[in-house]
Amino acid sequence: MTNQQAGAGGTWRMIAAMAMSGTIGWFVVTSGQPTIDVVFFRCLLGGARCWAC
């Protein structure tokens, strides 16, 4: 794999990550859940993911 191919793959991964990150706020607003519940579950799931690594 050349550096150019590796860079193109990284670019698409970064675009996908930014798209997902940008939609989190929209999903929170449309879900109608209290902010503290959303924060709690995001921390819980993120901690579980880190713990499993």
N, C-alpha and C. Protein backbone atom coordinates (compact mmCIF):
# COMPACT_ATOMS: atom_id res chain seq x y z
N MET A 1 0.86 -1.17 0.00
CA MET A 1 0.00 0.00 0.00
C MET A 1 0.90 1.23 0.00
N THR A 2 0.60 2.14 -0.88
CA THR A 2 1.39 3.36 -0.96
C THR A 2 0.91 4.38 0.06
N ASN A 3 1.71 5.40 0.27
CA ASN A 3 1.32 6.45 1.21
C ASN A 3 0.06 7.17 0.74
N GLN A 4 -0.09 7.31 -0.57
CA GLN A 4 -1.28 7.98 -1.10
C GLN A 4 -2.54 7.16 -0.82
N GLN A 5 -2.46 5.85 -0.98
CA GLN A 5 -3.61 4.99 -0.69
C GLN A 5 -3.93 5.00 0.79
N ALA A 6 -2.91 4.97 1.63
CA ALA A 6 -3.13 5.01 3.08
C ALA A 6 -3.76 6.33 3.48
N GLY A 7 -3.33 7.42 2.87
CA GLY A 7 -3.90 8.73 3.16
C GLY A 7 -5.36 8.83 2.76
N ALA A 8 -5.71 8.23 1.63
CA ALA A 8 -7.11 8.26 1.17
C ALA A 8 -7.99 7.47 2.13
N GLY A 9 -7.51 6.32 2.62
CA GLY A 9 -8.28 5.53 3.57
C GLY A 9 -8.48 6.28 4.88
N GLY A 10 -7.43 6.98 5.31
CA GLY A 10 -7.52 7.78 6.53
C GLY A 10 -8.48 8.94 6.39
N THR A 11 -8.51 9.52 5.20
CA THR A 11 -9.41 10.64 4.94
C THR A 11 -10.87 10.21 5.08
N TRP A 12 -11.20 9.06 4.49
CA TRP A 12 -12.58 8.58 4.57
C TRP A 12 -12.96 8.19 5.99
N ARG A 13 -12.02 7.65 6.75
CA ARG A 13 -12.30 7.32 8.15
C ARG A 13 -12.56 8.59 8.95
N MET A 14 -11.78 9.62 8.68
CA MET A 14 -11.95 10.89 9.39
C MET A 14 -13.29 11.54 9.03
N ILE A 15 -13.67 11.48 7.78
CA ILE A 15 -14.97 12.02 7.35
C ILE A 15 -16.11 11.28 8.04
N ALA A 16 -16.01 9.95 8.09
CA ALA A 16 -17.05 9.16 8.75
C ALA A 16 -17.12 9.49 10.24
N ALA A 17 -15.96 9.63 10.89
CA ALA A 17 -15.94 9.94 12.32
C ALA A 17 -16.54 11.31 12.59
N MET A 18 -16.24 12.29 11.77
CA MET A 18 -16.78 13.63 11.96
C MET A 18 -18.29 13.67 11.70
N ALA A 19 -18.74 12.88 10.72
CA ALA A 19 -20.18 12.82 10.45
C ALA A 19 -20.92 12.21 11.64
N MET A 20 -20.38 11.14 12.20
CA MET A 20 -21.01 10.52 13.37
C MET A 20 -20.97 11.46 14.57
N SER A 21 -19.85 12.11 14.76
CA SER A 21 -19.70 13.02 15.89
C SER A 21 -20.65 14.21 15.76
N GLY A 22 -20.82 14.69 14.55
CA GLY A 22 -21.70 15.84 14.33
C GLY A 22 -23.17 15.54 14.51
N THR A 23 -23.56 14.29 14.39
CA THR A 23 -24.98 13.94 14.52
C THR A 23 -25.38 13.61 15.95
N ILE A 24 -24.41 13.47 16.86
CA ILE A 24 -24.74 13.10 18.24
C ILE A 24 -25.68 14.12 18.86
N GLY A 25 -25.39 15.39 18.72
CA GLY A 25 -26.24 16.44 19.28
C GLY A 25 -27.65 16.40 18.71
N TRP A 26 -27.76 16.15 17.42
CA TRP A 26 -29.08 16.09 16.79
C TRP A 26 -29.88 14.91 17.35
N PHE A 27 -29.24 13.77 17.52
CA PHE A 27 -29.93 12.60 18.07
C PHE A 27 -30.38 12.86 19.51
N VAL A 28 -29.56 13.55 20.28
CA VAL A 28 -29.92 13.85 21.67
C VAL A 28 -31.15 14.75 21.70
N VAL A 29 -31.16 15.77 20.87
CA VAL A 29 -32.29 16.71 20.85
C VAL A 29 -33.56 16.02 20.39
N THR A 30 -33.47 15.21 19.34
CA THR A 30 -34.68 14.56 18.82
C THR A 30 -35.16 13.40 19.70
N SER A 31 -34.28 12.85 20.53
CA SER A 31 -34.70 11.74 21.39
C SER A 31 -35.62 12.20 22.52
N GLY A 32 -35.47 13.46 22.94
CA GLY A 32 -36.31 13.99 24.00
C GLY A 32 -35.89 13.52 25.39
N GLN A 33 -34.75 12.89 25.51
CA GLN A 33 -34.28 12.39 26.80
C GLN A 33 -33.62 13.53 27.59
N PRO A 34 -33.69 13.46 28.92
CA PRO A 34 -32.99 14.46 29.72
C PRO A 34 -31.48 14.38 29.48
N THR A 35 -30.84 15.52 29.50
CA THR A 35 -29.41 15.59 29.22
C THR A 35 -28.60 14.70 30.15
N ILE A 36 -28.94 14.69 31.42
CA ILE A 36 -28.17 13.91 32.39
C ILE A 36 -28.24 12.41 32.07
N ASP A 37 -29.37 11.94 31.58
CA ASP A 37 -29.49 10.52 31.18
C ASP A 37 -28.59 10.22 29.99
N VAL A 38 -28.57 11.10 29.02
CA VAL A 38 -27.74 10.90 27.83
C VAL A 38 -26.27 10.87 28.23
N VAL A 39 -25.85 11.81 29.06
CA VAL A 39 -24.45 11.87 29.50
C VAL A 39 -24.10 10.61 30.29
N PHE A 40 -24.97 10.20 31.18
CA PHE A 40 -24.71 9.00 31.99
C PHE A 40 -24.49 7.78 31.11
N PHE A 41 -25.38 7.54 30.17
CA PHE A 41 -25.27 6.35 29.34
C PHE A 41 -24.09 6.42 28.37
N ARG A 42 -23.77 7.61 27.88
CA ARG A 42 -22.59 7.75 27.03
C ARG A 42 -21.33 7.43 27.82
N CYS A 43 -21.25 7.91 29.05
CA CYS A 43 -20.09 7.60 29.89
C CYS A 43 -20.05 6.12 30.24
N LEU A 44 -21.19 5.54 30.54
CA LEU A 44 -21.27 4.12 30.87
C LEU A 44 -20.79 3.25 29.70
N LEU A 45 -21.30 3.54 28.53
CA LEU A 45 -20.92 2.76 27.35
C LEU A 45 -19.47 3.00 26.96
N GLY A 46 -19.01 4.24 27.05
CA GLY A 46 -17.62 4.54 26.75
C GLY A 46 -16.67 3.88 27.73
N GLY A 47 -17.04 3.89 29.00
CA GLY A 47 -16.21 3.23 30.01
C GLY A 47 -16.17 1.73 29.81
N ALA A 48 -17.28 1.14 29.44
CA ALA A 48 -17.32 -0.30 29.20
C ALA A 48 -16.46 -0.65 28.00
N ARG A 49 -16.47 0.20 27.00
CA ARG A 49 -15.66 -0.05 25.81
C ARG A 49 -14.17 0.04 26.16
N CYS A 50 -13.79 1.03 26.93
CA CYS A 50 -12.39 1.18 27.33
C CYS A 50 -11.95 0.04 28.25
N TRP A 51 -12.84 -0.38 29.10
CA TRP A 51 -12.51 -1.46 30.04
C TRP A 51 -12.27 -2.77 29.29
N ALA A 52 -13.02 -2.98 28.21
CA ALA A 52 -12.91 -4.21 27.43
C ALA A 52 -11.62 -4.26 26.62
N CYS A 53 -10.99 -3.13 26.40
CA CYS A 53 -9.74 -3.10 25.59
C CYS A 53 -8.65 -3.68 26.36
